[in-house]
Amino acid sequence: MSIIRKSKEIDVTIYFNEKMSRFFNIYPEVWGTHITGCKKRIDAIITPKQFLLDRSFPKIPIGVEIKTDLLEDGNKKQVIELYHQTIVYRHTRFNFQNSLRFLPLILIYPPMTNYLKREDTHFSNGFRYFASRLCGLFFIGELFLPKDKDSIEFLIHVCGTDYFTLRNNGQYHKWNSNWGFEVYEREIGLMVEQGKVTPEEYEKQVMILAEKLGI
């Protein structure tokens, strides 16, 4: 049976662009190469504008995978497939700003709640908690926009935590400033500034170390 879609992916993309372009530079449909050599394409890479940098948002590129607003017959299976897809992207070097590089953070939009509306509360809460914690280990999170959550411009949820919230009254909150994906970007920046290594060489060494550690 074919998937019954409540809305087209392009409709969600238009809404995403409308809400996020105020705060982020948006680079659509960016190609990359998975560590196995396969070509992959992510729906968007976004970078924070000065407005967010002035409010403690890290200067990092973020990948975003966009799906339909609701898959009427999909629920659990579709969420699992979506997270599998983003984990693949986590191991993909994307051709971005004149270099091939891994993305330190990847978000899904719409968030999980849109796929679990037909599930009972206990299952939905448990599934969301488990999925958020597990995928948070890969620095994969969820993006919430105004139609998903009241009183916000956007919210980024990672590893069971509201990592960054910008409210529609201008107030913001960032959950500490020492996340692994932030440290990763800072280390790349320092090494490059010091002329010790290129981003590609840095990531090569990270992959060698990851293989030695079995992760």
N, C-alpha and C. Protein backbone atom coordinates (compact mmCIF):
# COMPACT_ATOMS: atom_id res chain seq x y z
N MET A 1 0.84 -1.20 0.00
CA MET A 1 0.00 0.00 0.00
C MET A 1 0.88 1.25 0.00
N SER A 2 0.53 2.19 -0.84
CA SER A 2 1.33 3.41 -0.91
C SER A 2 1.10 4.28 0.32
N ILE A 3 2.10 5.09 0.65
CA ILE A 3 2.01 5.98 1.80
C ILE A 3 1.02 7.10 1.50
N ILE A 4 0.13 7.37 2.45
CA ILE A 4 -0.85 8.44 2.30
C ILE A 4 -0.28 9.70 2.93
N ARG A 5 -0.03 10.71 2.15
CA ARG A 5 0.61 11.92 2.65
C ARG A 5 -0.42 13.03 2.85
N LYS A 6 -0.37 13.62 4.02
CA LYS A 6 -1.30 14.72 4.31
C LYS A 6 -0.87 15.99 3.57
N SER A 7 0.42 16.18 3.43
CA SER A 7 0.92 17.35 2.71
C SER A 7 2.14 16.97 1.91
N LYS A 8 2.43 17.70 0.86
CA LYS A 8 3.60 17.44 0.02
C LYS A 8 4.85 17.95 0.73
N GLU A 9 5.97 17.28 0.46
CA GLU A 9 7.23 17.70 1.07
C GLU A 9 7.56 19.13 0.68
N ILE A 10 7.22 19.55 -0.54
CA ILE A 10 7.53 20.90 -0.98
C ILE A 10 6.80 21.93 -0.13
N ASP A 11 5.58 21.60 0.32
CA ASP A 11 4.83 22.52 1.17
C ASP A 11 5.54 22.74 2.50
N VAL A 12 6.07 21.67 3.05
CA VAL A 12 6.79 21.76 4.31
C VAL A 12 8.09 22.53 4.11
N THR A 13 8.74 22.31 2.98
CA THR A 13 9.99 23.02 2.67
C THR A 13 9.74 24.53 2.57
N ILE A 14 8.65 24.92 1.92
CA ILE A 14 8.31 26.34 1.81
C ILE A 14 8.10 26.95 3.19
N TYR A 15 7.38 26.23 4.05
CA TYR A 15 7.15 26.72 5.40
C TYR A 15 8.46 26.82 6.18
N PHE A 16 9.29 25.80 6.07
CA PHE A 16 10.60 25.79 6.73
C PHE A 16 11.42 27.00 6.28
N ASN A 17 11.50 27.24 4.98
CA ASN A 17 12.28 28.37 4.47
C ASN A 17 11.73 29.70 4.97
N GLU A 18 10.41 29.81 4.98
CA GLU A 18 9.77 31.05 5.42
C GLU A 18 10.12 31.39 6.87
N LYS A 19 10.09 30.37 7.74
CA LYS A 19 10.31 30.61 9.16
C LYS A 19 11.80 30.72 9.52
N MET A 20 12.63 29.94 8.85
CA MET A 20 14.03 29.86 9.26
C MET A 20 14.94 30.87 8.57
N SER A 21 14.54 31.40 7.42
CA SER A 21 15.40 32.32 6.68
C SER A 21 15.66 33.63 7.42
N ARG A 22 14.83 33.96 8.40
CA ARG A 22 15.06 35.15 9.21
C ARG A 22 16.30 35.00 10.08
N PHE A 23 16.61 33.77 10.44
CA PHE A 23 17.66 33.53 11.42
C PHE A 23 18.86 32.75 10.87
N PHE A 24 18.67 32.06 9.75
CA PHE A 24 19.73 31.23 9.19
C PHE A 24 19.90 31.49 7.69
N ASN A 25 21.13 31.32 7.22
CA ASN A 25 21.37 31.22 5.79
C ASN A 25 21.02 29.78 5.40
N ILE A 26 20.27 29.61 4.33
CA ILE A 26 19.80 28.28 3.93
C ILE A 26 20.41 27.88 2.59
N TYR A 27 21.06 26.73 2.57
CA TYR A 27 21.67 26.19 1.35
C TYR A 27 20.94 24.89 1.01
N PRO A 28 20.07 24.91 0.01
CA PRO A 28 19.24 23.73 -0.27
C PRO A 28 19.96 22.63 -1.04
N GLU A 29 19.53 21.40 -0.80
CA GLU A 29 19.94 20.22 -1.57
C GLU A 29 21.45 20.16 -1.80
N VAL A 30 22.17 19.85 -0.74
CA VAL A 30 23.62 19.78 -0.78
C VAL A 30 24.06 18.32 -0.93
N TRP A 31 24.96 18.08 -1.87
CA TRP A 31 25.44 16.73 -2.14
C TRP A 31 26.68 16.42 -1.31
N GLY A 32 26.85 15.13 -1.02
CA GLY A 32 28.03 14.69 -0.31
C GLY A 32 28.38 13.26 -0.66
N THR A 33 29.45 12.76 -0.05
CA THR A 33 29.90 11.39 -0.29
C THR A 33 29.99 10.65 1.03
N HIS A 34 29.23 9.54 1.11
CA HIS A 34 29.25 8.70 2.30
C HIS A 34 30.61 8.01 2.41
N ILE A 35 30.99 7.58 3.62
CA ILE A 35 32.30 6.96 3.81
C ILE A 35 32.43 5.67 3.00
N THR A 36 31.31 5.10 2.52
CA THR A 36 31.36 3.92 1.65
C THR A 36 31.56 4.30 0.19
N GLY A 37 31.50 5.61 -0.11
CA GLY A 37 31.67 6.08 -1.48
C GLY A 37 30.38 6.43 -2.20
N CYS A 38 29.23 6.13 -1.58
CA CYS A 38 27.94 6.44 -2.21
C CYS A 38 27.63 7.94 -2.14
N LYS A 39 27.00 8.45 -3.18
CA LYS A 39 26.59 9.85 -3.21
C LYS A 39 25.28 10.02 -2.42
N LYS A 40 25.22 11.06 -1.61
CA LYS A 40 24.04 11.35 -0.81
C LYS A 40 23.70 12.84 -0.95
N ARG A 41 22.41 13.15 -0.74
CA ARG A 41 21.97 14.54 -0.80
C ARG A 41 21.07 14.84 0.38
N ILE A 42 21.41 15.89 1.11
CA ILE A 42 20.59 16.31 2.24
C ILE A 42 19.75 17.51 1.81
N ASP A 43 18.57 17.65 2.41
CA ASP A 43 17.64 18.68 1.95
C ASP A 43 18.17 20.10 2.12
N ALA A 44 18.89 20.34 3.21
CA ALA A 44 19.41 21.70 3.43
C ALA A 44 20.56 21.68 4.43
N ILE A 45 21.46 22.64 4.26
CA ILE A 45 22.43 22.97 5.30
C ILE A 45 22.17 24.43 5.68
N ILE A 46 22.11 24.70 6.97
CA ILE A 46 21.85 26.06 7.43
C ILE A 46 23.01 26.54 8.30
N THR A 47 23.27 27.85 8.25
CA THR A 47 24.27 28.46 9.13
C THR A 47 23.64 29.68 9.80
N PRO A 48 23.98 29.94 11.07
CA PRO A 48 23.32 31.02 11.81
C PRO A 48 23.72 32.41 11.30
N LYS A 49 22.75 33.31 11.26
CA LYS A 49 23.03 34.70 10.94
C LYS A 49 23.51 35.43 12.20
N GLN A 50 23.97 36.66 12.02
CA GLN A 50 24.56 37.40 13.13
C GLN A 50 23.60 37.56 14.30
N PHE A 51 22.31 37.67 14.01
CA PHE A 51 21.30 37.79 15.07
C PHE A 51 21.44 36.66 16.08
N LEU A 52 21.65 35.43 15.59
CA LEU A 52 21.78 34.29 16.49
C LEU A 52 23.17 34.22 17.11
N LEU A 53 24.20 34.56 16.35
CA LEU A 53 25.56 34.56 16.90
C LEU A 53 25.66 35.51 18.09
N ASP A 54 24.93 36.62 18.02
CA ASP A 54 24.92 37.58 19.13
C ASP A 54 24.18 37.02 20.35
N ARG A 55 23.47 35.93 20.17
CA ARG A 55 22.70 35.31 21.25
C ARG A 55 23.24 33.92 21.61
N SER A 56 24.53 33.78 21.47
CA SER A 56 25.26 32.58 21.92
C SER A 56 25.04 31.34 21.07
N PHE A 57 24.42 31.49 19.89
CA PHE A 57 24.28 30.32 19.03
C PHE A 57 25.64 30.02 18.40
N PRO A 58 26.05 28.75 18.38
CA PRO A 58 27.39 28.42 17.84
C PRO A 58 27.48 28.64 16.33
N LYS A 59 28.65 29.01 15.89
CA LYS A 59 28.88 29.25 14.47
C LYS A 59 29.20 27.91 13.80
N ILE A 60 28.15 27.16 13.51
CA ILE A 60 28.32 25.82 12.93
C ILE A 60 27.34 25.62 11.78
N PRO A 61 27.72 24.77 10.82
CA PRO A 61 26.75 24.36 9.79
C PRO A 61 25.89 23.23 10.34
N ILE A 62 24.60 23.26 10.04
CA ILE A 62 23.66 22.26 10.54
C ILE A 62 22.91 21.65 9.35
N GLY A 63 22.86 20.34 9.30
CA GLY A 63 22.09 19.67 8.26
C GLY A 63 20.64 19.54 8.69
N VAL A 64 19.73 19.63 7.72
CA VAL A 64 18.30 19.47 8.00
C VAL A 64 17.69 18.54 6.97
N GLU A 65 17.01 17.50 7.46
CA GLU A 65 16.27 16.60 6.58
C GLU A 65 14.78 16.88 6.75
N ILE A 66 14.10 17.20 5.66
CA ILE A 66 12.71 17.64 5.69
C ILE A 66 11.81 16.57 5.07
N LYS A 67 10.71 16.26 5.76
CA LYS A 67 9.76 15.28 5.26
C LYS A 67 8.38 15.91 5.18
N THR A 68 7.38 15.09 4.82
CA THR A 68 6.02 15.60 4.78
C THR A 68 5.55 15.92 6.18
N ASP A 69 4.49 16.72 6.26
CA ASP A 69 3.98 17.15 7.56
C ASP A 69 3.45 15.99 8.38
N LEU A 70 2.85 15.02 7.73
CA LEU A 70 2.33 13.85 8.45
C LEU A 70 2.12 12.70 7.47
N LEU A 71 2.64 11.56 7.84
CA LEU A 71 2.39 10.35 7.06
C LEU A 71 1.27 9.59 7.75
N GLU A 72 0.08 9.62 7.17
CA GLU A 72 -1.11 9.11 7.84
C GLU A 72 -0.99 7.65 8.26
N ASP A 73 -0.31 6.83 7.44
CA ASP A 73 -0.23 5.41 7.77
C ASP A 73 1.19 4.99 8.15
N GLY A 74 2.03 5.95 8.43
CA GLY A 74 3.44 5.62 8.64
C GLY A 74 3.84 5.44 10.08
N ASN A 75 3.62 6.41 10.90
CA ASN A 75 4.01 6.49 12.32
C ASN A 75 5.36 5.85 12.64
N LYS A 76 5.39 4.79 13.46
CA LYS A 76 6.64 4.27 14.00
C LYS A 76 7.64 3.91 12.89
N LYS A 77 7.19 3.19 11.90
CA LYS A 77 8.09 2.73 10.84
C LYS A 77 8.74 3.90 10.13
N GLN A 78 7.98 4.95 9.87
CA GLN A 78 8.54 6.08 9.15
C GLN A 78 9.57 6.84 9.99
N VAL A 79 9.33 6.94 11.29
CA VAL A 79 10.31 7.60 12.16
C VAL A 79 11.62 6.83 12.17
N ILE A 80 11.52 5.50 12.27
CA ILE A 80 12.73 4.67 12.28
C ILE A 80 13.51 4.84 10.98
N GLU A 81 12.81 4.83 9.85
CA GLU A 81 13.47 5.00 8.56
C GLU A 81 14.11 6.38 8.45
N LEU A 82 13.43 7.39 9.00
CA LEU A 82 13.97 8.75 8.96
C LEU A 82 15.25 8.86 9.77
N TYR A 83 15.27 8.27 10.95
CA TYR A 83 16.48 8.33 11.77
C TYR A 83 17.61 7.52 11.13
N HIS A 84 17.27 6.40 10.51
CA HIS A 84 18.30 5.64 9.79
C HIS A 84 18.93 6.50 8.70
N GLN A 85 18.10 7.25 7.99
CA GLN A 85 18.59 8.13 6.92
C GLN A 85 19.52 9.20 7.47
N THR A 86 19.16 9.79 8.60
CA THR A 86 20.01 10.85 9.16
C THR A 86 21.32 10.30 9.73
N ILE A 87 21.30 9.08 10.24
CA ILE A 87 22.55 8.47 10.70
C ILE A 87 23.49 8.24 9.52
N VAL A 88 22.92 7.88 8.37
CA VAL A 88 23.73 7.77 7.16
C VAL A 88 24.36 9.12 6.83
N TYR A 89 23.59 10.19 6.96
CA TYR A 89 24.13 11.53 6.69
C TYR A 89 25.22 11.90 7.69
N ARG A 90 25.11 11.37 8.88
CA ARG A 90 26.13 11.66 9.91
C ARG A 90 27.50 11.15 9.48
N HIS A 91 27.50 10.14 8.62
CA HIS A 91 28.76 9.56 8.14
C HIS A 91 29.04 9.96 6.69
N THR A 92 28.54 11.12 6.32
CA THR A 92 28.71 11.63 4.95
C THR A 92 29.45 12.96 4.98
N ARG A 93 30.46 13.08 4.12
CA ARG A 93 31.14 14.36 3.96
C ARG A 93 30.41 15.15 2.88
N PHE A 94 29.92 16.33 3.24
CA PHE A 94 29.16 17.15 2.31
C PHE A 94 30.03 18.22 1.68
N ASN A 95 29.76 18.48 0.41
CA ASN A 95 30.51 19.49 -0.33
C ASN A 95 29.93 20.86 0.00
N PHE A 96 30.54 21.51 0.99
CA PHE A 96 29.98 22.75 1.52
C PHE A 96 31.07 23.79 1.72
N GLN A 97 30.84 24.96 1.13
CA GLN A 97 31.76 26.09 1.24
C GLN A 97 33.19 25.68 0.89
N ASN A 98 33.31 25.09 -0.29
CA ASN A 98 34.60 24.76 -0.89
C ASN A 98 35.40 23.69 -0.14
N SER A 99 34.72 22.84 0.60
CA SER A 99 35.42 21.73 1.24
C SER A 99 34.46 20.58 1.46
N LEU A 100 35.00 19.38 1.56
CA LEU A 100 34.21 18.20 1.91
C LEU A 100 34.29 18.02 3.41
N ARG A 101 33.15 17.99 4.09
CA ARG A 101 33.21 17.94 5.54
C ARG A 101 31.99 17.26 6.14
N PHE A 102 32.19 16.68 7.33
CA PHE A 102 31.08 16.14 8.09
C PHE A 102 30.28 17.29 8.70
N LEU A 103 29.00 17.06 8.95
CA LEU A 103 28.17 18.05 9.61
C LEU A 103 28.14 17.74 11.11
N PRO A 104 28.39 18.72 11.96
CA PRO A 104 28.45 18.46 13.40
C PRO A 104 27.08 18.19 14.03
N LEU A 105 26.01 18.68 13.40
CA LEU A 105 24.66 18.51 13.94
C LEU A 105 23.68 18.34 12.78
N ILE A 106 22.75 17.39 12.92
CA ILE A 106 21.73 17.16 11.90
C ILE A 106 20.37 17.16 12.58
N LEU A 107 19.41 17.86 11.97
CA LEU A 107 18.06 17.96 12.52
C LEU A 107 17.04 17.34 11.57
N ILE A 108 15.96 16.81 12.15
CA ILE A 108 14.84 16.36 11.33
C ILE A 108 13.70 17.36 11.50
N TYR A 109 12.98 17.58 10.42
CA TYR A 109 11.78 18.40 10.48
C TYR A 109 10.73 17.83 9.52
N PRO A 110 9.48 17.71 9.96
CA PRO A 110 8.91 18.00 11.27
C PRO A 110 9.43 17.05 12.35
N PRO A 111 9.19 17.42 13.63
CA PRO A 111 9.65 16.58 14.74
C PRO A 111 8.85 15.30 14.87
N MET A 112 9.33 14.41 15.72
CA MET A 112 8.73 13.09 15.89
C MET A 112 7.25 13.12 16.24
N THR A 113 6.83 14.12 17.01
CA THR A 113 5.44 14.17 17.46
C THR A 113 4.46 14.11 16.28
N ASN A 114 4.87 14.65 15.13
CA ASN A 114 3.99 14.65 13.97
C ASN A 114 3.78 13.26 13.38
N TYR A 115 4.68 12.34 13.70
CA TYR A 115 4.57 10.98 13.17
C TYR A 115 3.90 10.02 14.16
N LEU A 116 3.66 10.48 15.37
CA LEU A 116 3.18 9.58 16.42
C LEU A 116 1.82 9.98 16.97
N LYS A 117 1.08 10.78 16.23
CA LYS A 117 -0.19 11.29 16.73
C LYS A 117 -1.24 10.20 16.92
N ARG A 118 -1.08 9.09 16.23
CA ARG A 118 -2.06 8.00 16.36
C ARG A 118 -1.70 7.02 17.46
N GLU A 119 -0.55 7.22 18.09
CA GLU A 119 -0.12 6.31 19.14
C GLU A 119 -0.62 6.80 20.50
N ASP A 120 -0.75 5.87 21.45
CA ASP A 120 -1.18 6.29 22.78
C ASP A 120 -0.06 7.06 23.46
N THR A 121 -0.39 7.81 24.49
CA THR A 121 0.56 8.72 25.13
C THR A 121 1.76 8.00 25.71
N HIS A 122 1.54 6.86 26.36
CA HIS A 122 2.66 6.14 26.97
C HIS A 122 3.67 5.69 25.92
N PHE A 123 3.16 5.13 24.83
CA PHE A 123 4.07 4.67 23.78
C PHE A 123 4.80 5.86 23.15
N SER A 124 4.04 6.90 22.82
CA SER A 124 4.62 8.06 22.15
C SER A 124 5.72 8.70 22.99
N ASN A 125 5.46 8.90 24.28
CA ASN A 125 6.46 9.52 25.15
C ASN A 125 7.69 8.63 25.30
N GLY A 126 7.46 7.33 25.44
CA GLY A 126 8.59 6.41 25.57
C GLY A 126 9.42 6.32 24.31
N PHE A 127 8.75 6.26 23.17
CA PHE A 127 9.45 6.19 21.89
C PHE A 127 10.28 7.44 21.66
N ARG A 128 9.67 8.59 21.93
CA ARG A 128 10.38 9.86 21.72
C ARG A 128 11.60 9.96 22.63
N TYR A 129 11.45 9.54 23.89
CA TYR A 129 12.57 9.60 24.84
C TYR A 129 13.71 8.71 24.37
N PHE A 130 13.37 7.48 24.01
CA PHE A 130 14.41 6.53 23.58
C PHE A 130 15.09 7.00 22.30
N ALA A 131 14.28 7.39 21.30
CA ALA A 131 14.85 7.81 20.01
C ALA A 131 15.70 9.05 20.16
N SER A 132 15.23 10.03 20.94
CA SER A 132 15.98 11.26 21.13
C SER A 132 17.32 10.99 21.80
N ARG A 133 17.30 10.14 22.83
CA ARG A 133 18.55 9.83 23.55
C ARG A 133 19.51 9.05 22.67
N LEU A 134 18.99 8.03 21.98
CA LEU A 134 19.85 7.19 21.15
C LEU A 134 20.45 7.99 20.01
N CYS A 135 19.62 8.71 19.26
CA CYS A 135 20.13 9.46 18.11
C CYS A 135 20.92 10.69 18.54
N GLY A 136 20.67 11.14 19.77
CA GLY A 136 21.48 12.24 20.30
C GLY A 136 22.95 11.88 20.40
N LEU A 137 23.24 10.58 20.54
CA LEU A 137 24.64 10.14 20.57
C LEU A 137 25.34 10.42 19.24
N PHE A 138 24.55 10.50 18.17
CA PHE A 138 25.09 10.85 16.85
C PHE A 138 24.94 12.35 16.58
N PHE A 139 24.50 13.10 17.57
CA PHE A 139 24.18 14.53 17.41
C PHE A 139 23.15 14.74 16.30
N ILE A 140 22.10 13.96 16.41
CA ILE A 140 20.93 14.11 15.54
C ILE A 140 19.76 14.54 16.42
N GLY A 141 19.10 15.63 16.06
CA GLY A 141 18.03 16.16 16.88
C GLY A 141 16.79 16.52 16.07
N GLU A 142 15.88 17.22 16.73
CA GLU A 142 14.62 17.62 16.11
C GLU A 142 14.50 19.14 16.09
N LEU A 143 13.85 19.63 15.06
CA LEU A 143 13.54 21.05 14.95
C LEU A 143 12.05 21.25 15.15
N PHE A 144 11.68 22.22 15.99
CA PHE A 144 10.29 22.62 16.19
C PHE A 144 10.12 24.05 15.68
N LEU A 145 9.03 24.28 14.97
CA LEU A 145 8.69 25.62 14.48
C LEU A 145 7.34 26.03 15.08
N PRO A 146 6.86 27.26 14.84
CA PRO A 146 5.65 27.74 15.52
C PRO A 146 4.44 26.82 15.44
N LYS A 147 4.20 26.17 14.30
CA LYS A 147 3.01 25.32 14.22
C LYS A 147 3.17 24.00 14.98
N ASP A 148 4.40 23.71 15.43
CA ASP A 148 4.66 22.49 16.19
C ASP A 148 4.65 22.74 17.69
N LYS A 149 4.88 23.99 18.09
CA LYS A 149 4.98 24.32 19.50
C LYS A 149 4.64 25.79 19.68
N ASP A 150 3.80 26.09 20.64
CA ASP A 150 3.35 27.46 20.86
C ASP A 150 4.47 28.36 21.39
N SER A 151 4.38 29.63 21.07
CA SER A 151 5.21 30.69 21.66
C SER A 151 6.68 30.64 21.29
N ILE A 152 7.02 29.99 20.18
CA ILE A 152 8.43 29.96 19.77
C ILE A 152 8.59 30.44 18.33
N GLU A 153 9.81 30.89 18.03
CA GLU A 153 10.23 31.08 16.64
C GLU A 153 10.81 29.77 16.13
N PHE A 154 11.68 29.16 16.96
CA PHE A 154 12.16 27.81 16.67
C PHE A 154 12.75 27.22 17.95
N LEU A 155 12.84 25.90 17.97
CA LEU A 155 13.43 25.18 19.10
C LEU A 155 14.20 23.99 18.54
N ILE A 156 15.41 23.78 19.03
CA ILE A 156 16.22 22.63 18.64
C ILE A 156 16.33 21.70 19.84
N HIS A 157 15.87 20.47 19.65
CA HIS A 157 15.84 19.47 20.73
C HIS A 157 16.85 18.37 20.40
N VAL A 158 17.82 18.17 21.29
CA VAL A 158 18.87 17.17 21.06
C VAL A 158 19.08 16.35 22.32
N CYS A 159 19.10 15.03 22.16
CA CYS A 159 19.43 14.12 23.26
C CYS A 159 18.55 14.35 24.48
N GLY A 160 17.24 14.54 24.26
CA GLY A 160 16.31 14.70 25.36
C GLY A 160 16.31 16.07 25.99
N THR A 161 17.01 17.04 25.38
CA THR A 161 17.16 18.37 25.97
C THR A 161 16.80 19.45 24.96
N ASP A 162 16.14 20.51 25.41
CA ASP A 162 15.91 21.68 24.56
C ASP A 162 17.21 22.46 24.47
N TYR A 163 17.98 22.17 23.44
CA TYR A 163 19.33 22.74 23.30
C TYR A 163 19.29 24.26 23.09
N PHE A 164 18.44 24.73 22.17
CA PHE A 164 18.34 26.17 21.92
C PHE A 164 16.89 26.52 21.62
N THR A 165 16.38 27.51 22.35
CA THR A 165 15.01 27.97 22.16
C THR A 165 15.01 29.47 21.91
N LEU A 166 14.35 29.89 20.84
CA LEU A 166 14.11 31.31 20.59
C LEU A 166 12.60 31.52 20.64
N ARG A 167 12.14 32.30 21.61
CA ARG A 167 10.71 32.52 21.79
C ARG A 167 10.25 33.69 20.92
N ASN A 168 8.95 33.74 20.68
CA ASN A 168 8.43 34.80 19.81
C ASN A 168 8.38 36.16 20.49
N ASN A 169 8.73 36.22 21.78
CA ASN A 169 8.86 37.52 22.45
C ASN A 169 10.30 38.02 22.47
N GLY A 170 11.19 37.28 21.75
CA GLY A 170 12.58 37.69 21.65
C GLY A 170 13.51 37.04 22.67
N GLN A 171 12.96 36.44 23.70
CA GLN A 171 13.80 35.78 24.70
C GLN A 171 14.36 34.48 24.13
N TYR A 172 15.53 34.09 24.61
CA TYR A 172 16.16 32.86 24.14
C TYR A 172 16.80 32.13 25.31
N HIS A 173 17.02 30.84 25.11
CA HIS A 173 17.71 30.04 26.12
C HIS A 173 18.57 29.00 25.43
N LYS A 174 19.82 28.90 25.87
CA LYS A 174 20.75 27.89 25.34
C LYS A 174 21.21 27.02 26.49
N TRP A 175 21.10 25.70 26.29
CA TRP A 175 21.48 24.76 27.33
C TRP A 175 22.98 24.54 27.33
N ASN A 176 23.70 25.23 28.16
CA ASN A 176 25.17 25.25 28.31
C ASN A 176 25.90 25.41 26.97
N SER A 177 27.22 25.40 27.00
CA SER A 177 27.98 25.73 25.79
C SER A 177 29.16 24.79 25.58
N ASN A 178 29.00 23.54 25.95
CA ASN A 178 30.12 22.62 25.80
C ASN A 178 29.67 21.29 25.23
N TRP A 179 28.76 21.35 24.25
CA TRP A 179 28.31 20.13 23.57
C TRP A 179 29.41 19.61 22.65
N GLY A 180 29.38 18.32 22.41
CA GLY A 180 30.43 17.71 21.59
C GLY A 180 30.53 18.31 20.21
N PHE A 181 29.37 18.62 19.58
CA PHE A 181 29.44 19.16 18.22
C PHE A 181 29.98 20.58 18.21
N GLU A 182 29.82 21.31 19.31
CA GLU A 182 30.42 22.64 19.41
C GLU A 182 31.94 22.54 19.56
N VAL A 183 32.36 21.63 20.44
CA VAL A 183 33.79 21.41 20.67
C VAL A 183 34.47 20.98 19.37
N TYR A 184 33.81 20.09 18.64
CA TYR A 184 34.35 19.59 17.36
C TYR A 184 34.66 20.75 16.42
N GLU A 185 33.68 21.67 16.29
CA GLU A 185 33.87 22.81 15.39
C GLU A 185 34.96 23.75 15.89
N ARG A 186 35.02 23.97 17.19
CA ARG A 186 36.06 24.84 17.75
C ARG A 186 37.44 24.27 17.50
N GLU A 187 37.58 22.96 17.67
CA GLU A 187 38.88 22.33 17.46
C GLU A 187 39.31 22.43 16.00
N ILE A 188 38.37 22.20 15.09
CA ILE A 188 38.70 22.36 13.67
C ILE A 188 39.18 23.79 13.41
N GLY A 189 38.43 24.77 13.92
CA GLY A 189 38.79 26.17 13.70
C GLY A 189 40.16 26.51 14.24
N LEU A 190 40.48 26.05 15.44
CA LEU A 190 41.79 26.34 16.04
C LEU A 190 42.92 25.71 15.24
N MET A 191 42.74 24.45 14.86
CA MET A 191 43.79 23.76 14.11
C MET A 191 44.04 24.42 12.76
N VAL A 192 42.96 24.84 12.10
CA VAL A 192 43.10 25.49 10.79
C VAL A 192 43.77 26.85 10.95
N GLU A 193 43.33 27.64 11.95
CA GLU A 193 43.90 28.97 12.18
C GLU A 193 45.40 28.87 12.48
N GLN A 194 45.79 27.85 13.20
CA GLN A 194 47.19 27.67 13.56
C GLN A 194 48.02 27.08 12.42
N GLY A 195 47.33 26.75 11.33
CA GLY A 195 48.03 26.21 10.17
C GLY A 195 48.55 24.80 10.36
N LYS A 196 47.99 24.10 11.36
CA LYS A 196 48.48 22.76 11.65
C LYS A 196 47.83 21.69 10.78
N VAL A 197 46.60 21.95 10.33
CA VAL A 197 45.88 20.92 9.60
C VAL A 197 44.72 21.56 8.83
N THR A 198 44.32 20.92 7.74
CA THR A 198 43.14 21.35 7.01
C THR A 198 41.92 20.65 7.61
N PRO A 199 40.71 21.15 7.36
CA PRO A 199 39.52 20.46 7.86
C PRO A 199 39.46 18.99 7.42
N GLU A 200 39.86 18.73 6.16
CA GLU A 200 39.83 17.35 5.66
C GLU A 200 40.81 16.47 6.43
N GLU A 201 42.01 17.00 6.70
CA GLU A 201 43.01 16.21 7.44
C GLU A 201 42.56 15.96 8.88
N TYR A 202 41.94 16.97 9.47
CA TYR A 202 41.43 16.82 10.83
C TYR A 202 40.40 15.70 10.88
N GLU A 203 39.46 15.70 9.93
CA GLU A 203 38.42 14.70 9.93
C GLU A 203 38.98 13.31 9.62
N LYS A 204 40.02 13.26 8.82
CA LYS A 204 40.67 11.98 8.55
C LYS A 204 41.24 11.38 9.83
N GLN A 205 41.86 12.22 10.64
CA GLN A 205 42.42 11.74 11.91
C GLN A 205 41.32 11.32 12.88
N VAL A 206 40.19 12.04 12.87
CA VAL A 206 39.05 11.67 13.71
C VAL A 206 38.54 10.28 13.30
N MET A 207 38.45 10.01 11.99
CA MET A 207 37.99 8.73 11.52
C MET A 207 38.95 7.60 11.89
N ILE A 208 40.25 7.87 11.82
CA ILE A 208 41.24 6.86 12.22
C ILE A 208 41.09 6.52 13.70
N LEU A 209 40.92 7.57 14.51
CA LEU A 209 40.76 7.35 15.95
C LEU A 209 39.45 6.61 16.23
N ALA A 210 38.36 6.99 15.55
CA ALA A 210 37.07 6.32 15.75
C ALA A 210 37.17 4.84 15.41
N GLU A 211 37.91 4.51 14.33
CA GLU A 211 38.06 3.11 13.94
C GLU A 211 38.85 2.34 15.00
N LYS A 212 39.88 2.97 15.57
CA LYS A 212 40.67 2.32 16.61
C LYS A 212 39.84 2.05 17.85
N LEU A 213 38.92 2.99 18.15
CA LEU A 213 38.08 2.85 19.34
C LEU A 213 36.86 1.96 19.09
N GLY A 214 36.62 1.64 17.80
CA GLY A 214 35.48 0.80 17.46
C GLY A 214 34.15 1.52 17.53
N ILE A 215 34.15 2.81 17.21
CA ILE A 215 32.89 3.58 17.24
C ILE A 215 32.60 4.18 15.89
